[in-house]
Amino acid sequence: MTQVCLALLVPDRIICGGIECVIQQDATTRYSITIFDYFETLLHQANGIHILLMDISGLSTREVEERFHQLNAQQCSMKVIVISSRLTAIFTHRVMQFGAKGFIYRDDLADNLLHSLDLVRRDVVTLSPSASQLMVNSSYLYMSNEIKPLDMQVLRLMARGLTVKAIAIKLHTSTRSIYRSRDKLREILNIPTIETLVDAAREQGLLDLEAD
């Protein structure tokens, strides 16, 4: 039987207990489980851990990136599966870029945990069904190519409540350029009115980095 050293960094004790129950049902792999309450403690004991299940719910994109940066600095072979209650295409894409081997949307956890562990153990990158379907259906790649830095600046300032005139002054450009960026964003996000632009951008995750 395969032996796997598994670490859990899952603040919610109910979810953590549920994970332990699910793992015990695996008849092909024997897991030795270590539960960590603090990320800093995990860093000091990272060597020897094969897989880390890390719940990143409630963390900003920047906080997640910093955690992966610190893990990578340890130069250990530990593979990371993240669990998240947050599901947007941009956030998921970013987290996988940081170095996660697996992404499990929290609602998929009970049904997908053992499958994800098995794939990641064999060095296969995996997304749980909800995350995978989101990425397939998402226009993220199109958006990332079409939306330019000026467009994002306009969007972020709109989210702060600035008027077109105020944005133009702040960015040292014309109001015509701001109107053009607004209309472009509206078309890319496929929404009918400018009034719902910020809400739609936030829902799709475009303001993730701005929120950090």
N, C-alpha and C. Protein backbone atom coordinates (compact mmCIF):
# COMPACT_ATOMS: atom_id res chain seq x y z
N MET A 1 0.84 -1.20 0.00
CA MET A 1 0.00 0.00 0.00
C MET A 1 0.88 1.25 0.00
N THR A 2 0.52 2.22 -0.84
CA THR A 2 1.29 3.46 -0.95
C THR A 2 1.19 4.26 0.34
N GLN A 3 2.32 4.81 0.77
CA GLN A 3 2.38 5.65 1.97
C GLN A 3 2.55 7.10 1.55
N VAL A 4 1.71 7.97 2.06
CA VAL A 4 1.77 9.39 1.72
C VAL A 4 1.69 10.23 3.00
N CYS A 5 2.64 11.14 3.15
CA CYS A 5 2.62 12.09 4.27
C CYS A 5 1.82 13.32 3.83
N LEU A 6 0.69 13.54 4.48
CA LEU A 6 -0.24 14.59 4.08
C LEU A 6 -0.34 15.63 5.18
N ALA A 7 -0.24 16.89 4.80
CA ALA A 7 -0.40 17.99 5.75
C ALA A 7 -1.70 18.72 5.47
N LEU A 8 -2.40 19.12 6.51
CA LEU A 8 -3.63 19.89 6.38
C LEU A 8 -3.43 21.26 7.01
N LEU A 9 -3.68 22.29 6.23
CA LEU A 9 -3.72 23.66 6.75
C LEU A 9 -5.12 24.19 6.44
N VAL A 10 -6.05 23.80 7.28
CA VAL A 10 -7.48 24.07 7.06
C VAL A 10 -8.05 24.63 8.36
N PRO A 11 -8.23 25.95 8.43
CA PRO A 11 -8.67 26.58 9.69
C PRO A 11 -10.03 26.11 10.20
N ASP A 12 -10.95 25.80 9.29
CA ASP A 12 -12.28 25.37 9.71
C ASP A 12 -12.22 23.93 10.22
N ARG A 13 -12.45 23.75 11.51
CA ARG A 13 -12.31 22.44 12.13
C ARG A 13 -13.34 21.43 11.61
N ILE A 14 -14.53 21.89 11.26
CA ILE A 14 -15.55 20.99 10.72
C ILE A 14 -15.09 20.44 9.37
N ILE A 15 -14.60 21.33 8.51
CA ILE A 15 -14.10 20.91 7.20
C ILE A 15 -12.89 20.01 7.36
N CYS A 16 -12.03 20.35 8.29
CA CYS A 16 -10.83 19.56 8.54
C CYS A 16 -11.22 18.14 8.97
N GLY A 17 -12.20 18.03 9.87
CA GLY A 17 -12.66 16.72 10.30
C GLY A 17 -13.29 15.94 9.17
N GLY A 18 -14.03 16.63 8.30
CA GLY A 18 -14.63 15.98 7.15
C GLY A 18 -13.58 15.44 6.20
N ILE A 19 -12.50 16.20 6.02
CA ILE A 19 -11.41 15.75 5.16
C ILE A 19 -10.78 14.47 5.70
N GLU A 20 -10.56 14.44 7.01
CA GLU A 20 -9.99 13.24 7.63
C GLU A 20 -10.88 12.02 7.41
N CYS A 21 -12.19 12.22 7.55
CA CYS A 21 -13.14 11.11 7.36
C CYS A 21 -13.09 10.58 5.93
N VAL A 22 -13.04 11.49 4.97
CA VAL A 22 -12.99 11.09 3.56
C VAL A 22 -11.70 10.33 3.26
N ILE A 23 -10.59 10.84 3.78
CA ILE A 23 -9.29 10.23 3.50
C ILE A 23 -9.22 8.80 4.04
N GLN A 24 -9.86 8.57 5.17
CA GLN A 24 -9.85 7.23 5.76
C GLN A 24 -10.56 6.20 4.89
N GLN A 25 -11.35 6.66 3.92
CA GLN A 25 -12.07 5.75 3.04
C GLN A 25 -11.21 5.24 1.88
N ASP A 26 -10.01 5.81 1.74
CA ASP A 26 -9.12 5.40 0.64
C ASP A 26 -8.51 4.04 0.97
N ALA A 27 -8.84 3.04 0.17
CA ALA A 27 -8.37 1.68 0.42
C ALA A 27 -7.03 1.39 -0.25
N THR A 28 -6.54 2.31 -1.07
CA THR A 28 -5.31 2.05 -1.83
C THR A 28 -4.10 2.81 -1.30
N THR A 29 -4.34 3.81 -0.46
CA THR A 29 -3.25 4.65 0.02
C THR A 29 -3.37 4.84 1.53
N ARG A 30 -2.25 4.74 2.20
CA ARG A 30 -2.22 5.00 3.64
C ARG A 30 -1.64 6.39 3.87
N TYR A 31 -2.45 7.27 4.42
CA TYR A 31 -2.03 8.65 4.67
C TYR A 31 -1.66 8.83 6.14
N SER A 32 -0.50 9.41 6.38
CA SER A 32 -0.18 9.89 7.72
C SER A 32 -0.45 11.39 7.70
N ILE A 33 -1.37 11.83 8.55
CA ILE A 33 -1.88 13.19 8.48
C ILE A 33 -1.32 14.05 9.61
N THR A 34 -0.81 15.21 9.23
CA THR A 34 -0.38 16.21 10.20
C THR A 34 -1.21 17.47 10.00
N ILE A 35 -1.84 17.94 11.07
CA ILE A 35 -2.68 19.13 10.99
C ILE A 35 -1.92 20.32 11.55
N PHE A 36 -1.87 21.38 10.75
CA PHE A 36 -1.17 22.61 11.17
C PHE A 36 -2.19 23.72 11.39
N ASP A 37 -2.00 24.46 12.47
CA ASP A 37 -2.86 25.60 12.76
C ASP A 37 -2.31 26.89 12.14
N TYR A 38 -1.00 26.92 11.92
CA TYR A 38 -0.37 28.15 11.43
C TYR A 38 0.56 27.84 10.26
N PHE A 39 0.54 28.72 9.29
CA PHE A 39 1.37 28.55 8.11
C PHE A 39 2.85 28.57 8.48
N GLU A 40 3.21 29.43 9.42
CA GLU A 40 4.61 29.56 9.82
C GLU A 40 5.13 28.24 10.41
N THR A 41 4.29 27.55 11.17
CA THR A 41 4.69 26.25 11.72
C THR A 41 4.91 25.24 10.61
N LEU A 42 4.04 25.25 9.63
CA LEU A 42 4.18 24.35 8.48
C LEU A 42 5.51 24.57 7.78
N LEU A 43 5.90 25.83 7.60
CA LEU A 43 7.14 26.13 6.90
C LEU A 43 8.35 25.47 7.56
N HIS A 44 8.32 25.40 8.88
CA HIS A 44 9.46 24.83 9.61
C HIS A 44 9.47 23.31 9.57
N GLN A 45 8.37 22.71 9.14
CA GLN A 45 8.28 21.25 9.11
C GLN A 45 7.92 20.72 7.72
N ALA A 46 8.24 21.51 6.69
CA ALA A 46 7.81 21.17 5.33
C ALA A 46 8.52 19.96 4.76
N ASN A 47 9.76 19.73 5.16
CA ASN A 47 10.51 18.59 4.62
C ASN A 47 9.86 17.28 5.05
N GLY A 48 9.70 16.38 4.10
CA GLY A 48 9.10 15.09 4.40
C GLY A 48 7.62 15.02 4.10
N ILE A 49 6.99 16.18 3.88
CA ILE A 49 5.56 16.20 3.53
C ILE A 49 5.43 16.01 2.02
N HIS A 50 4.59 15.09 1.62
CA HIS A 50 4.39 14.83 0.19
C HIS A 50 3.35 15.77 -0.42
N ILE A 51 2.22 15.92 0.27
CA ILE A 51 1.13 16.74 -0.26
C ILE A 51 0.60 17.65 0.85
N LEU A 52 0.35 18.89 0.49
CA LEU A 52 -0.28 19.84 1.41
C LEU A 52 -1.66 20.21 0.89
N LEU A 53 -2.66 20.04 1.75
CA LEU A 53 -4.01 20.55 1.46
C LEU A 53 -4.13 21.88 2.19
N MET A 54 -4.25 22.97 1.44
CA MET A 54 -4.25 24.30 2.04
C MET A 54 -5.52 25.05 1.66
N ASP A 55 -6.31 25.40 2.65
CA ASP A 55 -7.53 26.18 2.41
C ASP A 55 -7.15 27.65 2.31
N ILE A 56 -7.42 28.25 1.14
CA ILE A 56 -7.06 29.65 0.92
C ILE A 56 -8.29 30.56 0.94
N SER A 57 -9.42 30.03 1.38
CA SER A 57 -10.63 30.84 1.47
C SER A 57 -10.37 32.03 2.39
N GLY A 58 -10.74 33.21 1.93
CA GLY A 58 -10.55 34.41 2.74
C GLY A 58 -9.22 35.10 2.53
N LEU A 59 -8.29 34.46 1.82
CA LEU A 59 -7.00 35.09 1.54
C LEU A 59 -7.07 35.89 0.25
N SER A 60 -6.36 37.00 0.21
CA SER A 60 -6.28 37.76 -1.03
C SER A 60 -5.33 37.07 -2.00
N THR A 61 -5.38 37.48 -3.26
CA THR A 61 -4.47 36.92 -4.26
C THR A 61 -3.02 37.13 -3.84
N ARG A 62 -2.74 38.30 -3.31
CA ARG A 62 -1.35 38.60 -2.91
C ARG A 62 -0.92 37.73 -1.73
N GLU A 63 -1.81 37.48 -0.81
CA GLU A 63 -1.47 36.62 0.33
C GLU A 63 -1.20 35.18 -0.13
N VAL A 64 -2.00 34.71 -1.07
CA VAL A 64 -1.78 33.37 -1.62
C VAL A 64 -0.43 33.31 -2.32
N GLU A 65 -0.14 34.33 -3.12
CA GLU A 65 1.14 34.38 -3.84
C GLU A 65 2.31 34.36 -2.87
N GLU A 66 2.20 35.10 -1.77
CA GLU A 66 3.27 35.16 -0.79
C GLU A 66 3.48 33.80 -0.13
N ARG A 67 2.41 33.08 0.12
CA ARG A 67 2.54 31.74 0.71
C ARG A 67 3.29 30.80 -0.23
N PHE A 68 2.95 30.86 -1.50
CA PHE A 68 3.63 30.00 -2.46
C PHE A 68 5.10 30.40 -2.61
N HIS A 69 5.35 31.69 -2.54
CA HIS A 69 6.73 32.17 -2.61
C HIS A 69 7.55 31.59 -1.46
N GLN A 70 6.97 31.59 -0.26
CA GLN A 70 7.68 31.06 0.90
C GLN A 70 7.84 29.54 0.82
N LEU A 71 6.83 28.86 0.31
CA LEU A 71 6.94 27.41 0.14
C LEU A 71 8.01 27.05 -0.88
N ASN A 72 8.04 27.79 -1.98
CA ASN A 72 9.04 27.53 -3.02
C ASN A 72 10.45 27.79 -2.51
N ALA A 73 10.58 28.75 -1.60
CA ALA A 73 11.89 29.07 -1.04
C ALA A 73 12.43 27.93 -0.18
N GLN A 74 11.54 27.05 0.28
CA GLN A 74 11.97 25.91 1.07
C GLN A 74 12.64 24.84 0.22
N GLN A 75 12.43 24.91 -1.10
CA GLN A 75 13.02 23.95 -2.05
C GLN A 75 12.71 22.50 -1.67
N CYS A 76 11.48 22.28 -1.23
CA CYS A 76 11.06 20.92 -0.91
C CYS A 76 10.19 20.39 -2.06
N SER A 77 9.93 19.11 -2.04
CA SER A 77 9.19 18.49 -3.14
C SER A 77 7.69 18.39 -2.84
N MET A 78 7.24 19.08 -1.82
CA MET A 78 5.83 19.03 -1.43
C MET A 78 4.94 19.59 -2.54
N LYS A 79 3.84 18.88 -2.83
CA LYS A 79 2.87 19.32 -3.83
C LYS A 79 1.67 19.92 -3.11
N VAL A 80 1.15 21.01 -3.64
CA VAL A 80 0.09 21.75 -2.94
C VAL A 80 -1.23 21.65 -3.69
N ILE A 81 -2.26 21.25 -2.96
CA ILE A 81 -3.64 21.32 -3.45
C ILE A 81 -4.35 22.40 -2.64
N VAL A 82 -4.91 23.38 -3.32
CA VAL A 82 -5.62 24.43 -2.61
C VAL A 82 -7.12 24.13 -2.59
N ILE A 83 -7.75 24.55 -1.50
CA ILE A 83 -9.20 24.47 -1.36
C ILE A 83 -9.68 25.91 -1.25
N SER A 84 -10.73 26.25 -2.00
CA SER A 84 -11.18 27.63 -2.00
C SER A 84 -12.69 27.75 -2.11
N SER A 85 -13.25 28.67 -1.32
CA SER A 85 -14.67 28.98 -1.45
C SER A 85 -14.88 30.07 -2.49
N ARG A 86 -13.78 30.58 -3.00
CA ARG A 86 -13.82 31.65 -4.01
C ARG A 86 -13.55 31.03 -5.37
N LEU A 87 -14.41 31.31 -6.33
CA LEU A 87 -14.27 30.67 -7.63
C LEU A 87 -14.52 31.68 -8.74
N THR A 88 -13.45 32.24 -9.28
CA THR A 88 -13.52 33.04 -10.50
C THR A 88 -12.38 32.56 -11.40
N ALA A 89 -12.54 32.74 -12.69
CA ALA A 89 -11.55 32.25 -13.64
C ALA A 89 -10.18 32.89 -13.41
N ILE A 90 -10.17 34.18 -13.16
CA ILE A 90 -8.90 34.89 -12.99
C ILE A 90 -8.19 34.43 -11.73
N PHE A 91 -8.93 34.31 -10.63
CA PHE A 91 -8.34 33.87 -9.37
C PHE A 91 -7.80 32.45 -9.50
N THR A 92 -8.58 31.56 -10.09
CA THR A 92 -8.14 30.17 -10.27
C THR A 92 -6.88 30.10 -11.13
N HIS A 93 -6.88 30.85 -12.23
CA HIS A 93 -5.73 30.87 -13.12
C HIS A 93 -4.48 31.36 -12.40
N ARG A 94 -4.62 32.42 -11.62
CA ARG A 94 -3.49 32.99 -10.90
C ARG A 94 -2.92 31.99 -9.88
N VAL A 95 -3.82 31.36 -9.12
CA VAL A 95 -3.38 30.41 -8.10
C VAL A 95 -2.60 29.25 -8.73
N MET A 96 -3.07 28.76 -9.86
CA MET A 96 -2.36 27.67 -10.53
C MET A 96 -1.01 28.16 -11.05
N GLN A 97 -0.94 29.41 -11.47
CA GLN A 97 0.34 29.96 -11.92
C GLN A 97 1.35 30.04 -10.77
N PHE A 98 0.86 30.25 -9.56
CA PHE A 98 1.76 30.35 -8.40
C PHE A 98 2.46 29.03 -8.11
N GLY A 99 1.86 27.92 -8.57
CA GLY A 99 2.50 26.63 -8.36
C GLY A 99 1.63 25.55 -7.76
N ALA A 100 0.34 25.81 -7.60
CA ALA A 100 -0.56 24.78 -7.08
C ALA A 100 -0.65 23.62 -8.07
N LYS A 101 -0.69 22.41 -7.54
CA LYS A 101 -0.87 21.23 -8.38
C LYS A 101 -2.35 20.88 -8.53
N GLY A 102 -3.17 21.37 -7.59
CA GLY A 102 -4.60 21.09 -7.65
C GLY A 102 -5.41 22.24 -7.08
N PHE A 103 -6.61 22.41 -7.61
CA PHE A 103 -7.52 23.45 -7.13
C PHE A 103 -8.88 22.78 -6.92
N ILE A 104 -9.35 22.78 -5.67
CA ILE A 104 -10.65 22.18 -5.36
C ILE A 104 -11.59 23.26 -4.85
N TYR A 105 -12.65 23.48 -5.59
CA TYR A 105 -13.70 24.37 -5.11
C TYR A 105 -14.35 23.70 -3.91
N ARG A 106 -14.60 24.48 -2.85
CA ARG A 106 -15.03 23.88 -1.59
C ARG A 106 -16.29 23.02 -1.74
N ASP A 107 -17.21 23.41 -2.60
CA ASP A 107 -18.44 22.63 -2.79
C ASP A 107 -18.17 21.27 -3.43
N ASP A 108 -17.01 21.11 -4.08
CA ASP A 108 -16.64 19.84 -4.73
C ASP A 108 -15.83 18.94 -3.80
N LEU A 109 -15.52 19.42 -2.62
CA LEU A 109 -14.50 18.78 -1.79
C LEU A 109 -14.82 17.32 -1.47
N ALA A 110 -16.01 17.05 -0.94
CA ALA A 110 -16.34 15.69 -0.49
C ALA A 110 -16.25 14.68 -1.63
N ASP A 111 -16.74 15.05 -2.80
CA ASP A 111 -16.80 14.12 -3.92
C ASP A 111 -15.50 14.03 -4.71
N ASN A 112 -14.64 15.04 -4.57
CA ASN A 112 -13.48 15.11 -5.46
C ASN A 112 -12.14 14.97 -4.75
N LEU A 113 -12.14 14.94 -3.43
CA LEU A 113 -10.88 14.97 -2.69
C LEU A 113 -9.97 13.79 -3.01
N LEU A 114 -10.48 12.57 -2.91
CA LEU A 114 -9.62 11.39 -3.13
C LEU A 114 -9.09 11.33 -4.55
N HIS A 115 -9.94 11.70 -5.51
CA HIS A 115 -9.50 11.71 -6.92
C HIS A 115 -8.38 12.73 -7.11
N SER A 116 -8.55 13.92 -6.52
CA SER A 116 -7.52 14.97 -6.65
C SER A 116 -6.22 14.52 -6.00
N LEU A 117 -6.31 13.92 -4.82
CA LEU A 117 -5.10 13.44 -4.14
C LEU A 117 -4.38 12.40 -4.98
N ASP A 118 -5.13 11.51 -5.58
CA ASP A 118 -4.52 10.45 -6.40
C ASP A 118 -3.81 11.05 -7.61
N LEU A 119 -4.45 12.01 -8.28
CA LEU A 119 -3.83 12.62 -9.46
C LEU A 119 -2.58 13.40 -9.09
N VAL A 120 -2.67 14.21 -8.05
CA VAL A 120 -1.53 15.04 -7.66
C VAL A 120 -0.38 14.16 -7.16
N ARG A 121 -0.71 13.09 -6.47
CA ARG A 121 0.32 12.15 -6.02
C ARG A 121 1.11 11.60 -7.21
N ARG A 122 0.44 11.45 -8.34
CA ARG A 122 1.09 10.96 -9.56
C ARG A 122 1.59 12.09 -10.45
N ASP A 123 1.65 13.29 -9.85
CA ASP A 123 2.19 14.49 -10.51
C ASP A 123 1.34 14.98 -11.67
N VAL A 124 0.02 14.78 -11.56
CA VAL A 124 -0.92 15.26 -12.57
C VAL A 124 -1.65 16.48 -12.00
N VAL A 125 -1.60 17.58 -12.73
CA VAL A 125 -2.30 18.79 -12.30
C VAL A 125 -3.80 18.60 -12.46
N THR A 126 -4.57 19.05 -11.47
CA THR A 126 -6.01 18.80 -11.52
C THR A 126 -6.84 19.97 -11.00
N LEU A 127 -8.01 20.13 -11.58
CA LEU A 127 -9.01 21.09 -11.10
C LEU A 127 -10.26 20.30 -10.77
N SER A 128 -10.95 20.67 -9.70
CA SER A 128 -12.20 20.00 -9.39
C SER A 128 -13.24 20.36 -10.46
N PRO A 129 -14.34 19.61 -10.56
CA PRO A 129 -15.29 19.81 -11.66
C PRO A 129 -15.78 21.24 -11.84
N SER A 130 -16.13 21.92 -10.74
CA SER A 130 -16.65 23.30 -10.87
C SER A 130 -15.59 24.24 -11.42
N ALA A 131 -14.37 24.09 -10.92
CA ALA A 131 -13.27 24.94 -11.39
C ALA A 131 -12.93 24.64 -12.85
N SER A 132 -12.91 23.36 -13.18
CA SER A 132 -12.60 22.96 -14.56
C SER A 132 -13.65 23.49 -15.53
N GLN A 133 -14.93 23.35 -15.17
CA GLN A 133 -16.00 23.83 -16.03
C GLN A 133 -15.94 25.34 -16.19
N LEU A 134 -15.62 26.02 -15.11
CA LEU A 134 -15.50 27.48 -15.15
C LEU A 134 -14.43 27.90 -16.15
N MET A 135 -13.28 27.24 -16.11
CA MET A 135 -12.19 27.62 -16.99
C MET A 135 -12.52 27.31 -18.44
N VAL A 136 -13.23 26.22 -18.68
CA VAL A 136 -13.63 25.87 -20.05
C VAL A 136 -14.58 26.92 -20.61
N ASN A 137 -15.51 27.37 -19.79
CA ASN A 137 -16.54 28.30 -20.25
C ASN A 137 -16.11 29.76 -20.19
N SER A 138 -14.99 30.03 -19.53
CA SER A 138 -14.60 31.41 -19.28
C SER A 138 -14.01 32.09 -20.52
N SER A 139 -14.25 33.38 -20.58
CA SER A 139 -13.63 34.19 -21.64
C SER A 139 -12.35 34.85 -21.11
N TYR A 140 -11.78 34.28 -20.05
CA TYR A 140 -10.61 34.90 -19.41
C TYR A 140 -9.45 35.13 -20.38
N LEU A 141 -9.10 34.10 -21.15
CA LEU A 141 -7.96 34.25 -22.04
C LEU A 141 -8.21 35.35 -23.07
N TYR A 142 -9.44 35.39 -23.56
CA TYR A 142 -9.79 36.46 -24.50
C TYR A 142 -9.69 37.82 -23.81
N MET A 143 -10.25 37.89 -22.60
CA MET A 143 -10.24 39.16 -21.87
C MET A 143 -8.82 39.62 -21.57
N SER A 144 -7.95 38.67 -21.16
CA SER A 144 -6.59 39.05 -20.79
C SER A 144 -5.81 39.58 -21.98
N ASN A 145 -6.15 39.14 -23.18
CA ASN A 145 -5.48 39.64 -24.38
C ASN A 145 -6.03 40.98 -24.84
N GLU A 146 -7.33 41.19 -24.64
CA GLU A 146 -7.98 42.38 -25.15
C GLU A 146 -7.93 43.58 -24.20
N ILE A 147 -7.94 43.31 -22.91
CA ILE A 147 -7.96 44.39 -21.92
C ILE A 147 -6.54 44.89 -21.67
N LYS A 148 -6.31 46.14 -21.95
CA LYS A 148 -4.99 46.75 -21.84
C LYS A 148 -4.83 47.42 -20.48
N PRO A 149 -3.58 47.77 -20.11
CA PRO A 149 -3.34 48.41 -18.81
C PRO A 149 -4.18 49.66 -18.56
N LEU A 150 -4.38 50.50 -19.60
CA LEU A 150 -5.21 51.69 -19.43
C LEU A 150 -6.64 51.31 -19.09
N ASP A 151 -7.15 50.27 -19.74
CA ASP A 151 -8.51 49.82 -19.46
C ASP A 151 -8.65 49.39 -18.00
N MET A 152 -7.65 48.69 -17.50
CA MET A 152 -7.70 48.25 -16.11
C MET A 152 -7.60 49.43 -15.16
N GLN A 153 -6.79 50.42 -15.50
CA GLN A 153 -6.70 51.62 -14.66
C GLN A 153 -8.05 52.32 -14.58
N VAL A 154 -8.71 52.42 -15.74
CA VAL A 154 -10.02 53.05 -15.78
C VAL A 154 -11.01 52.27 -14.93
N LEU A 155 -11.00 50.96 -15.07
CA LEU A 155 -11.91 50.11 -14.31
C LEU A 155 -11.69 50.26 -12.81
N ARG A 156 -10.45 50.25 -12.40
CA ARG A 156 -10.15 50.37 -10.97
C ARG A 156 -10.59 51.71 -10.40
N LEU A 157 -10.40 52.76 -11.17
CA LEU A 157 -10.82 54.08 -10.70
C LEU A 157 -12.34 54.22 -10.71
N MET A 158 -12.98 53.59 -11.67
CA MET A 158 -14.44 53.56 -11.66
C MET A 158 -14.95 52.84 -10.41
N ALA A 159 -14.27 51.76 -10.05
CA ALA A 159 -14.67 51.00 -8.86
C ALA A 159 -14.52 51.83 -7.59
N ARG A 160 -13.64 52.82 -7.64
CA ARG A 160 -13.46 53.72 -6.49
C ARG A 160 -14.44 54.88 -6.51
N GLY A 161 -15.26 54.93 -7.57
CA GLY A 161 -16.31 55.93 -7.62
C GLY A 161 -15.96 57.21 -8.36
N LEU A 162 -14.83 57.25 -9.05
CA LEU A 162 -14.42 58.46 -9.75
C LEU A 162 -15.25 58.66 -11.02
N THR A 163 -15.50 59.91 -11.38
CA THR A 163 -16.21 60.24 -12.60
C THR A 163 -15.26 60.15 -13.80
N VAL A 164 -15.84 60.19 -15.00
CA VAL A 164 -15.03 60.13 -16.21
C VAL A 164 -14.03 61.29 -16.24
N LYS A 165 -14.50 62.49 -15.89
CA LYS A 165 -13.62 63.66 -15.90
C LYS A 165 -12.48 63.50 -14.89
N ALA A 166 -12.82 63.00 -13.71
CA ALA A 166 -11.81 62.84 -12.66
C ALA A 166 -10.78 61.77 -13.06
N ILE A 167 -11.25 60.72 -13.71
CA ILE A 167 -10.34 59.65 -14.17
C ILE A 167 -9.40 60.19 -15.23
N ALA A 168 -9.95 60.98 -16.17
CA ALA A 168 -9.13 61.55 -17.24
C ALA A 168 -8.02 62.44 -16.66
N ILE A 169 -8.38 63.25 -15.67
CA ILE A 169 -7.39 64.13 -15.04
C ILE A 169 -6.32 63.31 -14.34
N LYS A 170 -6.75 62.30 -13.61
CA LYS A 170 -5.81 61.47 -12.84
C LYS A 170 -4.86 60.70 -13.76
N LEU A 171 -5.36 60.25 -14.91
CA LEU A 171 -4.53 59.46 -15.83
C LEU A 171 -3.87 60.32 -16.91
N HIS A 172 -4.09 61.62 -16.82
CA HIS A 172 -3.48 62.55 -17.77
C HIS A 172 -3.83 62.20 -19.21
N THR A 173 -5.09 61.97 -19.46
CA THR A 173 -5.56 61.64 -20.80
C THR A 173 -6.88 62.34 -21.04
N SER A 174 -7.47 62.11 -22.21
CA SER A 174 -8.71 62.79 -22.57
C SER A 174 -9.92 62.01 -22.06
N THR A 175 -11.04 62.72 -21.90
CA THR A 175 -12.27 62.04 -21.51
C THR A 175 -12.70 61.07 -22.62
N ARG A 176 -12.35 61.40 -23.87
CA ARG A 176 -12.70 60.51 -24.98
C ARG A 176 -12.04 59.14 -24.80
N SER A 177 -10.78 59.12 -24.34
CA SER A 177 -10.08 57.86 -24.11
C SER A 177 -10.75 57.05 -23.00
N ILE A 178 -11.24 57.76 -21.98
CA ILE A 178 -11.90 57.07 -20.86
C ILE A 178 -13.22 56.47 -21.34
N TYR A 179 -13.99 57.23 -22.11
CA TYR A 179 -15.24 56.70 -22.65
C TYR A 179 -14.97 55.49 -23.54
N ARG A 180 -13.88 55.55 -24.30
CA ARG A 180 -13.54 54.45 -25.20
C ARG A 180 -13.21 53.19 -24.39
N SER A 181 -12.45 53.36 -23.32
CA SER A 181 -12.11 52.22 -22.46
C SER A 181 -13.35 51.64 -21.80
N ARG A 182 -14.24 52.51 -21.34
CA ARG A 182 -15.48 52.04 -20.71
C ARG A 182 -16.31 51.20 -21.67
N ASP A 183 -16.47 51.71 -22.88
CA ASP A 183 -17.27 50.99 -23.87
C ASP A 183 -16.63 49.67 -24.27
N LYS A 184 -15.31 49.68 -24.35
CA LYS A 184 -14.59 48.46 -24.69
C LYS A 184 -14.79 47.40 -23.60
N LEU A 185 -14.69 47.81 -22.35
CA LEU A 185 -14.87 46.88 -21.23
C LEU A 185 -16.30 46.33 -21.21
N ARG A 186 -17.25 47.20 -21.50
CA ARG A 186 -18.65 46.76 -21.51
C ARG A 186 -18.87 45.70 -22.59
N GLU A 187 -18.27 45.90 -23.74
CA GLU A 187 -18.43 44.93 -24.83
C GLU A 187 -17.74 43.60 -24.50
N ILE A 188 -16.54 43.68 -23.92
CA ILE A 188 -15.80 42.46 -23.58
C ILE A 188 -16.55 41.65 -22.53
N LEU A 189 -17.12 42.34 -21.55
CA LEU A 189 -17.85 41.66 -20.49
C LEU A 189 -19.28 41.32 -20.90
N ASN A 190 -19.67 41.79 -22.07
CA ASN A 190 -20.99 41.47 -22.63
C ASN A 190 -22.12 41.88 -21.69
N ILE A 191 -22.08 43.14 -21.29
CA ILE A 191 -23.15 43.67 -20.43
C ILE A 191 -23.81 44.84 -21.15
N PRO A 192 -25.11 45.07 -20.90
CA PRO A 192 -25.85 46.06 -21.67
C PRO A 192 -25.61 47.50 -21.28
N THR A 193 -25.28 47.76 -20.02
CA THR A 193 -25.17 49.15 -19.57
C THR A 193 -23.88 49.40 -18.81
N ILE A 194 -23.42 50.64 -18.86
CA ILE A 194 -22.24 51.06 -18.12
C ILE A 194 -22.47 50.96 -16.61
N GLU A 195 -23.71 51.18 -16.18
CA GLU A 195 -24.02 51.19 -14.76
C GLU A 195 -23.68 49.88 -14.06
N THR A 196 -23.71 48.78 -14.80
CA THR A 196 -23.43 47.48 -14.19
C THR A 196 -22.00 47.00 -14.47
N LEU A 197 -21.18 47.86 -15.05
CA LEU A 197 -19.83 47.46 -15.46
C LEU A 197 -18.98 47.00 -14.28
N VAL A 198 -18.93 47.81 -13.23
CA VAL A 198 -18.07 47.48 -12.08
C VAL A 198 -18.52 46.20 -11.41
N ASP A 199 -19.82 46.05 -11.22
CA ASP A 199 -20.34 44.83 -10.58
C ASP A 199 -20.01 43.60 -11.41
N ALA A 200 -20.14 43.71 -12.72
CA ALA A 200 -19.84 42.57 -13.60
C ALA A 200 -18.36 42.24 -13.57
N ALA A 201 -17.52 43.26 -13.56
CA ALA A 201 -16.07 43.04 -13.51
C ALA A 201 -15.66 42.38 -12.20
N ARG A 202 -16.29 42.81 -11.12
CA ARG A 202 -15.98 42.22 -9.81
C ARG A 202 -16.43 40.76 -9.76
N GLU A 203 -17.60 40.49 -10.31
CA GLU A 203 -18.13 39.11 -10.31
C GLU A 203 -17.23 38.17 -11.10
N GLN A 204 -16.68 38.66 -12.21
CA GLN A 204 -15.86 37.81 -13.06
C GLN A 204 -14.40 37.76 -12.58
N GLY A 205 -14.09 38.52 -11.53
CA GLY A 205 -12.75 38.44 -10.96
C GLY A 205 -11.75 39.44 -11.50
N LEU A 206 -12.20 40.35 -12.36
CA LEU A 206 -11.25 41.31 -12.93
C LEU A 206 -10.67 42.26 -11.89
N LEU A 207 -11.40 42.44 -10.79
CA LEU A 207 -10.91 43.36 -9.76
C LEU A 207 -10.18 42.63 -8.64
N ASP A 208 -9.88 41.36 -8.84
CA ASP A 208 -9.16 40.60 -7.82
C ASP A 208 -7.85 41.27 -7.43
N LEU A 209 -7.05 41.59 -8.43
CA LEU A 209 -5.74 42.16 -8.13
C LEU A 209 -5.88 43.56 -7.54
N GLU A 210 -6.87 44.30 -7.99
CA GLU A 210 -7.08 45.65 -7.46
C GLU A 210 -7.44 45.57 -5.98
N ALA A 211 -8.18 44.53 -5.60
CA ALA A 211 -8.61 44.38 -4.20
C ALA A 211 -7.45 44.07 -3.29
N ASP A 212 -6.34 43.57 -3.85
CA ASP A 212 -5.18 43.25 -3.03
C ASP A 212 -4.44 44.50 -2.64
